[in-house]
Amino acid sequence: MRRANPSVIARHPVNELDLTIRIEWDGDTKNWVTYVPELNNISTFGQTELEALDNTAEMIMGFIEASERQGLRLPLSERELAKIRSALAGY
């Protein structure tokens, strides 16, 4: 089983969030897959760890924006949402 490179994760903006980002290698698809348990276990992937984390940042922002447009309650405080928006502003 391949393990994610901790230095890639540590340098990425998603590492600044108060969210759990699980990343694992999928040998069948040859992709890195991420999951965010606090946000209904949303998931995405990428061919590299960095691509998977970039896609995760974009997915988190999209999830928040879509939830707010639909008037859905997010399992995050206003402080957590502000931190996410600040850390992921470029996504």
C-alpha atoms as a PDB file:
ATOM      1  CA  MET A   1       0.000   0.000   0.000  1.00  0.00           C
ATOM      2  CA  ARG A   2       1.316   3.437  -0.925  1.00  0.00           C
ATOM      3  CA  ARG A   3       1.384   6.099   1.736  1.00  0.00           C
ATOM      4  CA  ALA A   4       0.791   9.787   1.126  1.00  0.00           C
ATOM      5  CA  ASN A   5       3.829  12.028   1.340  1.00  0.00           C
ATOM      6  CA  PRO A   6       3.412  14.033   4.582  1.00  0.00           C
ATOM      7  CA  SER A   7       5.402  16.988   3.217  1.00  0.00           C
ATOM      8  CA  VAL A   8       2.969  17.426   0.298  1.00  0.00           C
ATOM      9  CA  ILE A   9       0.035  17.488   2.693  1.00  0.00           C
ATOM     10  CA  ALA A  10       1.761  19.766   5.216  1.00  0.00           C
ATOM     11  CA  ARG A  11       2.428  22.455   2.572  1.00  0.00           C
ATOM     12  CA  HIS A  12      -1.086  22.446   1.120  1.00  0.00           C
ATOM     13  CA  PRO A  13      -3.731  25.004   2.239  1.00  0.00           C
ATOM     14  CA  VAL A  14      -6.199  22.215   3.144  1.00  0.00           C
ATOM     15  CA  ASN A  15      -3.819  21.373   5.983  1.00  0.00           C
ATOM     16  CA  GLU A  16      -4.755  24.692   7.649  1.00  0.00           C
ATOM     17  CA  LEU A  17      -8.416  23.701   7.945  1.00  0.00           C
ATOM     18  CA  ASP A  18     -10.164  22.298  10.995  1.00  0.00           C
ATOM     19  CA  LEU A  19     -11.394  19.455   8.810  1.00  0.00           C
ATOM     20  CA  THR A  20     -10.213  15.889   8.489  1.00  0.00           C
ATOM     21  CA  ILE A  21      -8.784  15.215   5.044  1.00  0.00           C
ATOM     22  CA  ARG A  22      -8.224  11.510   4.501  1.00  0.00           C
ATOM     23  CA  ILE A  23      -6.041  10.603   1.536  1.00  0.00           C
ATOM     24  CA  GLU A  24      -5.374   7.118   0.269  1.00  0.00           C
ATOM     25  CA  TRP A  25      -4.011   5.395  -2.801  1.00  0.00           C
ATOM     26  CA  ASP A  26      -6.444   3.468  -4.998  1.00  0.00           C
ATOM     27  CA  GLY A  27      -4.398   0.833  -6.770  1.00  0.00           C
ATOM     28  CA  ASP A  28      -7.262  -0.127  -9.059  1.00  0.00           C
ATOM     29  CA  THR A  29      -7.659   3.352 -10.566  1.00  0.00           C
ATOM     30  CA  LYS A  30      -4.065   4.462  -9.901  1.00  0.00           C
ATOM     31  CA  ASN A  31      -5.309   7.664  -8.247  1.00  0.00           C
ATOM     32  CA  TRP A  32      -5.035   9.371  -4.885  1.00  0.00           C
ATOM     33  CA  VAL A  33      -8.495   9.609  -3.335  1.00  0.00           C
ATOM     34  CA  THR A  34      -9.511  12.076  -0.628  1.00  0.00           C
ATOM     35  CA  TYR A  35     -12.465  12.122   1.758  1.00  0.00           C
ATOM     36  CA  VAL A  36     -13.770  14.856   4.060  1.00  0.00           C
ATOM     37  CA  PRO A  37     -15.776  13.090   6.810  1.00  0.00           C
ATOM     38  CA  GLU A  38     -17.182  16.299   8.340  1.00  0.00           C
ATOM     39  CA  LEU A  39     -18.797  17.255   5.021  1.00  0.00           C
ATOM     40  CA  ASN A  40     -20.878  14.139   4.345  1.00  0.00           C
ATOM     41  CA  ASN A  41     -17.686  12.249   3.460  1.00  0.00           C
ATOM     42  CA  ILE A  42     -17.438  14.078   0.122  1.00  0.00           C
ATOM     43  CA  SER A  43     -14.697  12.623  -2.037  1.00  0.00           C
ATOM     44  CA  THR A  44     -12.538  13.413  -5.035  1.00  0.00           C
ATOM     45  CA  PHE A  45      -9.308  12.166  -6.568  1.00  0.00           C
ATOM     46  CA  GLY A  46      -6.198  13.070  -8.543  1.00  0.00           C
ATOM     47  CA  GLN A  47      -3.321  11.348 -10.291  1.00  0.00           C
ATOM     48  CA  THR A  48      -0.879  12.918  -7.842  1.00  0.00           C
ATOM     49  CA  GLU A  49      -1.259  13.795  -4.172  1.00  0.00           C
ATOM     50  CA  LEU A  50      -1.048  17.489  -5.022  1.00  0.00           C
ATOM     51  CA  GLU A  51      -3.734  17.198  -7.706  1.00  0.00           C
ATOM     52  CA  ALA A  52      -5.992  15.297  -5.288  1.00  0.00           C
ATOM     53  CA  LEU A  53      -5.522  17.985  -2.612  1.00  0.00           C
ATOM     54  CA  ASP A  54      -6.146  20.802  -5.104  1.00  0.00           C
ATOM     55  CA  ASN A  55      -9.313  19.021  -6.214  1.00  0.00           C
ATOM     56  CA  THR A  56     -10.269  18.608  -2.553  1.00  0.00           C
ATOM     57  CA  ALA A  57      -9.908  22.345  -1.919  1.00  0.00           C
ATOM     58  CA  GLU A  58     -12.094  23.100  -4.942  1.00  0.00           C
ATOM     59  CA  MET A  59     -14.612  20.458  -3.857  1.00  0.00           C
ATOM     60  CA  ILE A  60     -14.858  21.890  -0.319  1.00  0.00           C
ATOM     61  CA  MET A  61     -15.517  25.382  -1.654  1.00  0.00           C
ATOM     62  CA  GLY A  62     -18.092  24.051  -4.107  1.00  0.00           C
ATOM     63  CA  PHE A  63     -19.822  22.036  -1.398  1.00  0.00           C
ATOM     64  CA  ILE A  64     -20.074  25.072   0.874  1.00  0.00           C
ATOM     65  CA  GLU A  65     -21.320  27.366  -1.901  1.00  0.00           C
ATOM     66  CA  ALA A  66     -23.904  24.838  -3.154  1.00  0.00           C
ATOM     67  CA  SER A  67     -25.126  24.127   0.386  1.00  0.00           C
ATOM     68  CA  GLU A  68     -25.566  27.825   1.101  1.00  0.00           C
ATOM     69  CA  ARG A  69     -27.399  28.431  -2.207  1.00  0.00           C
ATOM     70  CA  GLN A  70     -29.799  25.629  -1.345  1.00  0.00           C
ATOM     71  CA  GLY A  71     -30.285  26.895   2.207  1.00  0.00           C
ATOM     72  CA  LEU A  72     -28.818  23.748   3.742  1.00  0.00           C
ATOM     73  CA  ARG A  73     -27.332  23.884   7.213  1.00  0.00           C
ATOM     74  CA  LEU A  74     -23.609  23.184   7.246  1.00  0.00           C
ATOM     75  CA  PRO A  75     -22.000  21.309  10.144  1.00  0.00           C
ATOM     76  CA  LEU A  76     -19.516  24.175  10.583  1.00  0.00           C
ATOM     77  CA  SER A  77     -19.412  27.295  12.714  1.00  0.00           C
ATOM     78  CA  GLU A  78     -19.182  30.760  11.159  1.00  0.00           C
ATOM     79  CA  ARG A  79     -15.581  30.917  12.422  1.00  0.00           C
ATOM     80  CA  GLU A  80     -14.755  27.626  10.665  1.00  0.00           C
ATOM     81  CA  LEU A  81     -16.420  28.800   7.451  1.00  0.00           C
ATOM     82  CA  ALA A  82     -14.453  32.058   7.541  1.00  0.00           C
ATOM     83  CA  LYS A  83     -11.209  30.142   8.051  1.00  0.00           C
ATOM     84  CA  ILE A  84     -11.994  27.837   5.134  1.00  0.00           C
ATOM     85  CA  ARG A  85     -12.851  30.759   2.844  1.00  0.00           C
ATOM     86  CA  SER A  86      -9.633  32.529   3.805  1.00  0.00           C
ATOM     87  CA  ALA A  87      -7.376  29.477   3.394  1.00  0.00           C
ATOM     88  CA  LEU A  88      -8.964  28.366   0.133  1.00  0.00           C
ATOM     89  CA  ALA A  89      -9.654  31.765  -1.446  1.00  0.00           C
ATOM     90  CA  GLY A  90      -7.850  30.822  -4.666  1.00  0.00           C
ATOM     91  CA  TYR A  91      -9.906  27.713  -5.359  1.00  0.00           C
END
